[in-house]
């Protein structure tokens, strides 16, 4: 593959992978919840890894191997459109997985701790330390051992290791029997739209001269909410 095309594909994929977590976080908080979002994204990541492994394993999914001498002479066979789209399809599924796992994994784990107790706060702090330590170790292994395996042994083996660990992660995730679930709160965009529409229709109404005649006094749903006093600032 041409280096310019390869760089464009990688940069586009990385850009998309950094944007889709915003969409994933919105969908999780508004509609699906963190658990279901992580579950769907995990299978999407597994699908992407399987496709990438097949691109290295199946001869029809990648160009014919080219030696260094052939590269210097410029006689290597290029990729076909089918092979390119297979690669892009795999990267697409990896981006979907990233969009669901990256914004939800830590918040879902923190939901398992009762932060109102000292034990819960201590457990949350220990989780953060363990999470980032594990992440650093995994990145170190990824950038050293797995790169060596893919470059010196086999790309199929390298992608196969990624796929195996992803499959193990999914099994462990679903093996948990007791989880604390925070229900999605609905779309904040629809609530904003409702406020704007109501304000537009009622912009010509006038507040009563005395606050005692105001009958709108909704009860608070929990102790974390507080009532905002009426104001004539925008009247």
C-alpha atoms as a PDB file:
ATOM      1  CA  UNK A   1       0.000   0.000   0.000  1.00  0.00           C
ATOM      2  CA  UNK A   2       1.192   3.484  -0.789  1.00  0.00           C
ATOM      3  CA  UNK A   3       2.576   5.195   2.307  1.00  0.00           C
ATOM      4  CA  UNK A   4       0.507   8.336   1.735  1.00  0.00           C
ATOM      5  CA  UNK A   5      -2.718   6.311   1.491  1.00  0.00           C
ATOM      6  CA  UNK A   6      -1.760   4.264   4.549  1.00  0.00           C
ATOM      7  CA  UNK A   7      -1.049   7.450   6.539  1.00  0.00           C
ATOM      8  CA  UNK A   8      -4.379   8.961   5.468  1.00  0.00           C
ATOM      9  CA  UNK A   9      -6.285   5.844   6.507  1.00  0.00           C
ATOM     10  CA  UNK A  10      -4.565   5.688   9.893  1.00  0.00           C
ATOM     11  CA  UNK A  11      -5.027   9.409  10.603  1.00  0.00           C
ATOM     12  CA  UNK A  12      -8.695   9.249   9.614  1.00  0.00           C
ATOM     13  CA  UNK A  13      -9.258   6.165  11.754  1.00  0.00           C
ATOM     14  CA  UNK A  14      -7.567   7.760  14.770  1.00  0.00           C
ATOM     15  CA  UNK A  15      -9.599  10.953  14.326  1.00  0.00           C
ATOM     16  CA  UNK A  16     -12.857   9.012  14.137  1.00  0.00           C
ATOM     17  CA  UNK A  17     -11.852   6.907  17.152  1.00  0.00           C
ATOM     18  CA  UNK A  18     -11.318  10.091  19.172  1.00  0.00           C
ATOM     19  CA  UNK A  19     -14.703  11.554  18.194  1.00  0.00           C
ATOM     20  CA  UNK A  20     -17.045   8.565  18.534  1.00  0.00           C
ATOM     21  CA  UNK A  21     -16.570   8.319  22.349  1.00  0.00           C
ATOM     22  CA  UNK A  22     -18.572  11.549  22.597  1.00  0.00           C
ATOM     23  CA  UNK A  23     -21.422   9.870  20.753  1.00  0.00           C
ATOM     24  CA  UNK A  24     -21.018   6.711  22.816  1.00  0.00           C
ATOM     25  CA  UNK A  25     -21.182   8.658  26.081  1.00  0.00           C
ATOM     26  CA  UNK A  26     -24.346  10.456  24.926  1.00  0.00           C
ATOM     27  CA  UNK A  27     -26.048   7.219  23.878  1.00  0.00           C
ATOM     28  CA  UNK A  28     -25.078   5.484  27.136  1.00  0.00           C
ATOM     29  CA  UNK A  29     -26.293   8.287  29.411  1.00  0.00           C
ATOM     30  CA  UNK A  30     -29.447   8.979  27.424  1.00  0.00           C
ATOM     31  CA  UNK A  31     -30.745   5.652  26.134  1.00  0.00           C
ATOM     32  CA  UNK A  32     -28.816   2.390  26.589  1.00  0.00           C
ATOM     33  CA  UNK A  33     -27.005   2.686  29.909  1.00  0.00           C
ATOM     34  CA  UNK A  34     -23.331   1.953  30.483  1.00  0.00           C
ATOM     35  CA  UNK A  35     -23.598  -1.847  30.770  1.00  0.00           C
ATOM     36  CA  UNK A  36     -25.431  -2.379  27.489  1.00  0.00           C
ATOM     37  CA  UNK A  37     -23.207   0.132  25.706  1.00  0.00           C
ATOM     38  CA  UNK A  38     -20.053  -1.656  26.878  1.00  0.00           C
ATOM     39  CA  UNK A  39     -21.546  -5.028  25.905  1.00  0.00           C
ATOM     40  CA  UNK A  40     -22.378  -3.913  22.363  1.00  0.00           C
ATOM     41  CA  UNK A  41     -19.050  -2.122  21.958  1.00  0.00           C
ATOM     42  CA  UNK A  42     -17.131  -5.186  23.168  1.00  0.00           C
ATOM     43  CA  UNK A  43     -18.633  -7.353  20.458  1.00  0.00           C
ATOM     44  CA  UNK A  44     -17.954  -4.604  17.913  1.00  0.00           C
ATOM     45  CA  UNK A  45     -14.285  -4.563  18.954  1.00  0.00           C
ATOM     46  CA  UNK A  46     -14.154  -8.350  18.745  1.00  0.00           C
ATOM     47  CA  UNK A  47     -15.637  -8.187  15.248  1.00  0.00           C
ATOM     48  CA  UNK A  48     -13.030  -5.633  14.176  1.00  0.00           C
ATOM     49  CA  UNK A  49     -10.155  -7.703  15.545  1.00  0.00           C
ATOM     50  CA  UNK A  50     -11.431 -10.848  13.852  1.00  0.00           C
ATOM     51  CA  UNK A  51     -11.621  -9.012  10.517  1.00  0.00           C
ATOM     52  CA  UNK A  52      -8.094  -7.647  10.913  1.00  0.00           C
ATOM     53  CA  UNK A  53      -6.831 -11.110  11.788  1.00  0.00           C
ATOM     54  CA  UNK A  54      -8.492 -12.452   8.634  1.00  0.00           C
ATOM     55  CA  UNK A  55      -6.839  -9.752   6.520  1.00  0.00           C
ATOM     56  CA  UNK A  56      -3.480 -11.148   7.607  1.00  0.00           C
ATOM     57  CA  UNK A  57      -4.493 -14.823   7.482  1.00  0.00           C
ATOM     58  CA  UNK A  58      -6.594 -15.224   4.322  1.00  0.00           C
ATOM     59  CA  UNK A  59      -4.477 -14.750   1.151  1.00  0.00           C
ATOM     60  CA  UNK A  60      -7.402 -13.217  -0.743  1.00  0.00           C
ATOM     61  CA  UNK A  61      -7.716 -10.454   1.878  1.00  0.00           C
ATOM     62  CA  UNK A  62      -4.217  -8.984   1.487  1.00  0.00           C
ATOM     63  CA  UNK A  63      -1.794  -8.244  -1.366  1.00  0.00           C
ATOM     64  CA  UNK A  64       0.855 -10.729  -2.415  1.00  0.00           C
ATOM     65  CA  UNK A  65       3.935 -10.550  -0.126  1.00  0.00           C
ATOM     66  CA  UNK A  66       6.659  -8.349  -1.560  1.00  0.00           C
ATOM     67  CA  UNK A  67      10.385  -8.645  -0.884  1.00  0.00           C
ATOM     68  CA  UNK A  68      12.676  -5.708  -0.238  1.00  0.00           C
ATOM     69  CA  UNK A  69      14.245  -6.090  -3.678  1.00  0.00           C
ATOM     70  CA  UNK A  70      10.842  -6.020  -5.353  1.00  0.00           C
ATOM     71  CA  UNK A  71       9.956  -2.892  -3.387  1.00  0.00           C
ATOM     72  CA  UNK A  72      13.106  -1.181  -4.602  1.00  0.00           C
ATOM     73  CA  UNK A  73      12.349  -2.160  -8.203  1.00  0.00           C
ATOM     74  CA  UNK A  74       8.728  -1.080  -7.846  1.00  0.00           C
ATOM     75  CA  UNK A  75       7.285  -4.335  -9.153  1.00  0.00           C
ATOM     76  CA  UNK A  76       5.120  -5.219  -6.152  1.00  0.00           C
ATOM     77  CA  UNK A  77       1.460  -6.045  -6.681  1.00  0.00           C
ATOM     78  CA  UNK A  78      -0.807  -3.432  -5.128  1.00  0.00           C
ATOM     79  CA  UNK A  79      -3.954  -4.056  -3.127  1.00  0.00           C
ATOM     80  CA  UNK A  80      -7.366  -4.442  -4.723  1.00  0.00           C
ATOM     81  CA  UNK A  81     -10.400  -2.337  -3.832  1.00  0.00           C
ATOM     82  CA  UNK A  82     -11.942  -5.372  -2.141  1.00  0.00           C
ATOM     83  CA  UNK A  83      -8.893  -5.828   0.113  1.00  0.00           C
ATOM     84  CA  UNK A  84      -8.871  -2.137   0.993  1.00  0.00           C
ATOM     85  CA  UNK A  85     -12.551  -2.138   1.933  1.00  0.00           C
ATOM     86  CA  UNK A  86     -12.098  -5.255   4.073  1.00  0.00           C
ATOM     87  CA  UNK A  87      -9.416  -3.382   6.023  1.00  0.00           C
ATOM     88  CA  UNK A  88     -11.573  -0.262   6.376  1.00  0.00           C
ATOM     89  CA  UNK A  89     -14.528  -2.416   7.478  1.00  0.00           C
ATOM     90  CA  UNK A  90     -12.426  -3.902  10.280  1.00  0.00           C
ATOM     91  CA  UNK A  91     -11.215  -0.476  11.399  1.00  0.00           C
ATOM     92  CA  UNK A  92     -14.818   0.749  11.354  1.00  0.00           C
ATOM     93  CA  UNK A  93     -15.866  -1.911  13.869  1.00  0.00           C
ATOM     94  CA  UNK A  94     -12.868  -1.088  16.058  1.00  0.00           C
ATOM     95  CA  UNK A  95     -13.948   2.564  16.099  1.00  0.00           C
ATOM     96  CA  UNK A  96     -17.472   1.556  17.142  1.00  0.00           C
ATOM     97  CA  UNK A  97     -15.983  -0.498  19.969  1.00  0.00           C
ATOM     98  CA  UNK A  98     -13.783   2.374  21.059  1.00  0.00           C
ATOM     99  CA  UNK A  99     -16.760   4.724  21.069  1.00  0.00           C
ATOM    100  CA  UNK A 100     -18.614   2.547  23.554  1.00  0.00           C
ATOM    101  CA  UNK A 101     -15.848   1.209  25.787  1.00  0.00           C
ATOM    102  CA  UNK A 102     -13.647   4.256  26.272  1.00  0.00           C
ATOM    103  CA  UNK A 103     -16.263   6.630  27.778  1.00  0.00           C
ATOM    104  CA  UNK A 104     -18.150   3.993  29.787  1.00  0.00           C
ATOM    105  CA  UNK A 105     -15.601   1.596  31.275  1.00  0.00           C
ATOM    106  CA  UNK A 106     -14.354   3.803  34.112  1.00  0.00           C
ATOM    107  CA  UNK A 107     -17.757   5.370  34.990  1.00  0.00           C
ATOM    108  CA  UNK A 108     -19.393   1.933  35.039  1.00  0.00           C
ATOM    109  CA  UNK A 109     -16.667   0.621  37.350  1.00  0.00           C
ATOM    110  CA  UNK A 110     -17.050   3.629  39.674  1.00  0.00           C
ATOM    111  CA  UNK A 111     -20.809   2.984  39.811  1.00  0.00           C
ATOM    112  CA  UNK A 112     -19.999  -0.266  41.621  1.00  0.00           C
ATOM    113  CA  UNK A 113     -18.673   1.668  44.646  1.00  0.00           C
ATOM    114  CA  UNK A 114     -20.806   3.426  47.220  1.00  0.00           C
ATOM    115  CA  UNK A 115     -19.064   6.794  47.339  1.00  0.00           C
ATOM    116  CA  UNK A 116     -21.135   7.883  50.338  1.00  0.00           C
ATOM    117  CA  UNK A 117     -19.083   5.565  52.574  1.00  0.00           C
ATOM    118  CA  UNK A 118     -15.387   5.705  53.411  1.00  0.00           C
ATOM    119  CA  UNK A 119     -14.983   2.095  52.292  1.00  0.00           C
ATOM    120  CA  UNK A 120     -16.495   2.911  48.906  1.00  0.00           C
ATOM    121  CA  UNK A 121     -14.279   5.965  48.419  1.00  0.00           C
ATOM    122  CA  UNK A 122     -11.205   3.943  49.383  1.00  0.00           C
ATOM    123  CA  UNK A 123     -12.172   1.178  46.969  1.00  0.00           C
ATOM    124  CA  UNK A 124     -12.691   3.720  44.192  1.00  0.00           C
ATOM    125  CA  UNK A 125      -9.231   5.178  44.760  1.00  0.00           C
ATOM    126  CA  UNK A 126      -7.669   1.722  44.682  1.00  0.00           C
ATOM    127  CA  UNK A 127      -9.533   0.962  41.455  1.00  0.00           C
ATOM    128  CA  UNK A 128      -8.151   4.075  39.751  1.00  0.00           C
ATOM    129  CA  UNK A 129      -4.613   3.146  40.754  1.00  0.00           C
ATOM    130  CA  UNK A 130      -5.021  -0.442  39.598  1.00  0.00           C
ATOM    131  CA  UNK A 131      -6.707   0.593  36.341  1.00  0.00           C
ATOM    132  CA  UNK A 132      -4.047   3.036  35.207  1.00  0.00           C
ATOM    133  CA  UNK A 133      -1.213   0.767  36.339  1.00  0.00           C
ATOM    134  CA  UNK A 134      -2.675  -2.118  34.337  1.00  0.00           C
ATOM    135  CA  UNK A 135      -3.243   0.159  31.347  1.00  0.00           C
ATOM    136  CA  UNK A 136       0.398   1.281  31.399  1.00  0.00           C
ATOM    137  CA  UNK A 137       1.669  -2.302  31.583  1.00  0.00           C
ATOM    138  CA  UNK A 138      -0.615  -3.387  28.727  1.00  0.00           C
ATOM    139  CA  UNK A 139       0.517  -0.484  26.546  1.00  0.00           C
ATOM    140  CA  UNK A 140       4.150  -1.366  27.269  1.00  0.00           C
ATOM    141  CA  UNK A 141       3.578  -4.986  26.241  1.00  0.00           C
ATOM    142  CA  UNK A 142       1.630  -3.842  23.202  1.00  0.00           C
ATOM    143  CA  UNK A 143       4.407  -1.552  22.003  1.00  0.00           C
ATOM    144  CA  UNK A 144       7.216  -4.063  22.574  1.00  0.00           C
ATOM    145  CA  UNK A 145       6.346  -7.769  22.643  1.00  0.00           C
ATOM    146  CA  UNK A 146       3.361  -7.714  20.285  1.00  0.00           C
ATOM    147  CA  UNK A 147       5.141  -5.443  17.832  1.00  0.00           C
ATOM    148  CA  UNK A 148       8.039  -7.910  17.811  1.00  0.00           C
ATOM    149  CA  UNK A 149       5.646 -10.823  17.226  1.00  0.00           C
ATOM    150  CA  UNK A 150       3.928  -9.082  14.315  1.00  0.00           C
ATOM    151  CA  UNK A 151       7.159  -7.884  12.735  1.00  0.00           C
ATOM    152  CA  UNK A 152       9.316 -10.980  13.233  1.00  0.00           C
ATOM    153  CA  UNK A 153       6.924 -13.922  13.537  1.00  0.00           C
ATOM    154  CA  UNK A 154       3.446 -13.451  12.138  1.00  0.00           C
ATOM    155  CA  UNK A 155       0.862 -10.710  11.766  1.00  0.00           C
ATOM    156  CA  UNK A 156      -1.820 -13.359  12.068  1.00  0.00           C
ATOM    157  CA  UNK A 157      -0.413 -14.460  15.427  1.00  0.00           C
ATOM    158  CA  UNK A 158      -0.236 -10.869  16.648  1.00  0.00           C
ATOM    159  CA  UNK A 159      -3.833 -10.108  15.748  1.00  0.00           C
ATOM    160  CA  UNK A 160      -4.854 -13.511  17.089  1.00  0.00           C
ATOM    161  CA  UNK A 161      -3.442 -12.611  20.507  1.00  0.00           C
ATOM    162  CA  UNK A 162      -5.431  -9.366  20.513  1.00  0.00           C
ATOM    163  CA  UNK A 163      -8.576 -11.252  19.525  1.00  0.00           C
ATOM    164  CA  UNK A 164      -8.061 -13.894  22.211  1.00  0.00           C
ATOM    165  CA  UNK A 165      -7.651 -11.338  24.975  1.00  0.00           C
ATOM    166  CA  UNK A 166     -10.717  -9.443  23.760  1.00  0.00           C
ATOM    167  CA  UNK A 167     -12.728 -12.654  23.885  1.00  0.00           C
ATOM    168  CA  UNK A 168     -11.476 -13.363  27.424  1.00  0.00           C
ATOM    169  CA  UNK A 169     -12.425  -9.822  28.478  1.00  0.00           C
ATOM    170  CA  UNK A 170     -15.974 -10.312  27.167  1.00  0.00           C
ATOM    171  CA  UNK A 171     -16.332 -13.615  29.020  1.00  0.00           C
ATOM    172  CA  UNK A 172     -15.081 -12.089  32.273  1.00  0.00           C
ATOM    173  CA  UNK A 173     -17.370  -9.078  31.822  1.00  0.00           C
ATOM    174  CA  UNK A 174     -20.481 -11.216  31.427  1.00  0.00           C
ATOM    175  CA  UNK A 175     -19.373 -13.601  34.177  1.00  0.00           C
ATOM    176  CA  UNK A 176     -20.088 -10.926  36.775  1.00  0.00           C
ATOM    177  CA  UNK A 177     -23.373 -11.755  38.493  1.00  0.00           C
ATOM    178  CA  UNK A 178     -23.960  -8.652  40.573  1.00  0.00           C
ATOM    179  CA  UNK A 179     -23.606  -5.210  39.043  1.00  0.00           C
ATOM    180  CA  UNK A 180     -24.889  -1.840  40.142  1.00  0.00           C
ATOM    181  CA  UNK A 181     -26.789  -0.271  37.241  1.00  0.00           C
ATOM    182  CA  UNK A 182     -27.476   3.432  36.828  1.00  0.00           C
ATOM    183  CA  UNK A 183     -30.488   3.887  34.579  1.00  0.00           C
ATOM    184  CA  UNK A 184     -30.126   6.278  31.621  1.00  0.00           C
ATOM    185  CA  UNK A 185     -31.705   9.637  32.248  1.00  0.00           C
ATOM    186  CA  UNK A 186     -33.040  10.357  28.774  1.00  0.00           C
ATOM    187  CA  UNK A 187     -31.757  12.768  26.192  1.00  0.00           C
ATOM    188  CA  UNK A 188     -30.648  16.129  27.546  1.00  0.00           C
ATOM    189  CA  UNK A 189     -31.116  17.574  24.058  1.00  0.00           C
ATOM    190  CA  UNK A 190     -34.849  16.852  24.146  1.00  0.00           C
ATOM    191  CA  UNK A 191     -35.116  18.542  27.565  1.00  0.00           C
ATOM    192  CA  UNK A 192     -33.300  21.611  26.245  1.00  0.00           C
ATOM    193  CA  UNK A 193     -35.588  21.674  23.211  1.00  0.00           C
ATOM    194  CA  UNK A 194     -38.668  21.468  25.445  1.00  0.00           C
ATOM    195  CA  UNK A 195     -37.468  24.433  27.523  1.00  0.00           C
ATOM    196  CA  UNK A 196     -36.724  26.521  24.429  1.00  0.00           C
ATOM    197  CA  UNK A 197     -40.107  25.736  22.844  1.00  0.00           C
ATOM    198  CA  UNK A 198     -41.978  26.469  26.085  1.00  0.00           C
ATOM    199  CA  UNK A 199     -40.073  29.734  26.514  1.00  0.00           C
ATOM    200  CA  UNK A 200     -40.886  30.716  22.922  1.00  0.00           C
ATOM    201  CA  UNK A 201     -44.620  30.116  23.369  1.00  0.00           C
ATOM    202  CA  UNK A 202     -44.784  31.863  26.744  1.00  0.00           C
ATOM    203  CA  UNK A 203     -42.515  34.826  26.081  1.00  0.00           C
ATOM    204  CA  UNK A 204     -45.459  37.277  26.133  1.00  0.00           C
ATOM    205  CA  UNK A 205     -46.900  36.043  29.427  1.00  0.00           C
ATOM    206  CA  UNK A 206     -46.404  38.154  32.545  1.00  0.00           C
ATOM    207  CA  UNK A 207     -45.607  36.906  36.031  1.00  0.00           C
ATOM    208  CA  UNK A 208     -48.152  37.712  38.740  1.00  0.00           C
ATOM    209  CA  UNK A 209     -47.458  40.727  40.879  1.00  0.00           C
ATOM    210  CA  UNK A 210     -47.383  38.625  44.032  1.00  0.00           C
ATOM    211  CA  UNK A 211     -45.447  35.374  44.321  1.00  0.00           C
ATOM    212  CA  UNK A 212     -48.200  33.934  46.540  1.00  0.00           C
ATOM    213  CA  UNK A 213     -50.395  33.575  43.466  1.00  0.00           C
ATOM    214  CA  UNK A 214     -47.872  31.321  41.754  1.00  0.00           C
ATOM    215  CA  UNK A 215     -49.293  27.795  41.839  1.00  0.00           C
ATOM    216  CA  UNK A 216     -46.351  26.071  40.158  1.00  0.00           C
ATOM    217  CA  UNK A 217     -44.397  24.493  42.991  1.00  0.00           C
ATOM    218  CA  UNK A 218     -43.037  21.064  41.921  1.00  0.00           C
ATOM    219  CA  UNK A 219     -41.638  18.750  44.574  1.00  0.00           C
ATOM    220  CA  UNK A 220     -37.989  17.811  44.499  1.00  0.00           C
ATOM    221  CA  UNK A 221     -37.192  14.279  43.345  1.00  0.00           C
ATOM    222  CA  UNK A 222     -34.114  13.844  45.532  1.00  0.00           C
ATOM    223  CA  UNK A 223     -31.951  15.651  48.077  1.00  0.00           C
ATOM    224  CA  UNK A 224     -29.377  16.648  45.458  1.00  0.00           C
ATOM    225  CA  UNK A 225     -31.815  19.005  43.728  1.00  0.00           C
ATOM    226  CA  UNK A 226     -32.649  22.531  44.801  1.00  0.00           C
ATOM    227  CA  UNK A 227     -35.280  25.009  43.701  1.00  0.00           C
ATOM    228  CA  UNK A 228     -34.322  28.123  41.795  1.00  0.00           C
ATOM    229  CA  UNK A 229     -36.127  31.265  42.964  1.00  0.00           C
ATOM    230  CA  UNK A 230     -38.248  33.228  40.526  1.00  0.00           C
ATOM    231  CA  UNK A 231     -36.466  36.165  38.944  1.00  0.00           C
ATOM    232  CA  UNK A 232     -37.624  39.185  36.941  1.00  0.00           C
ATOM    233  CA  UNK A 233     -34.227  39.642  35.329  1.00  0.00           C
ATOM    234  CA  UNK A 234     -35.475  38.548  31.908  1.00  0.00           C
ATOM    235  CA  UNK A 235     -38.987  39.873  32.326  1.00  0.00           C
END
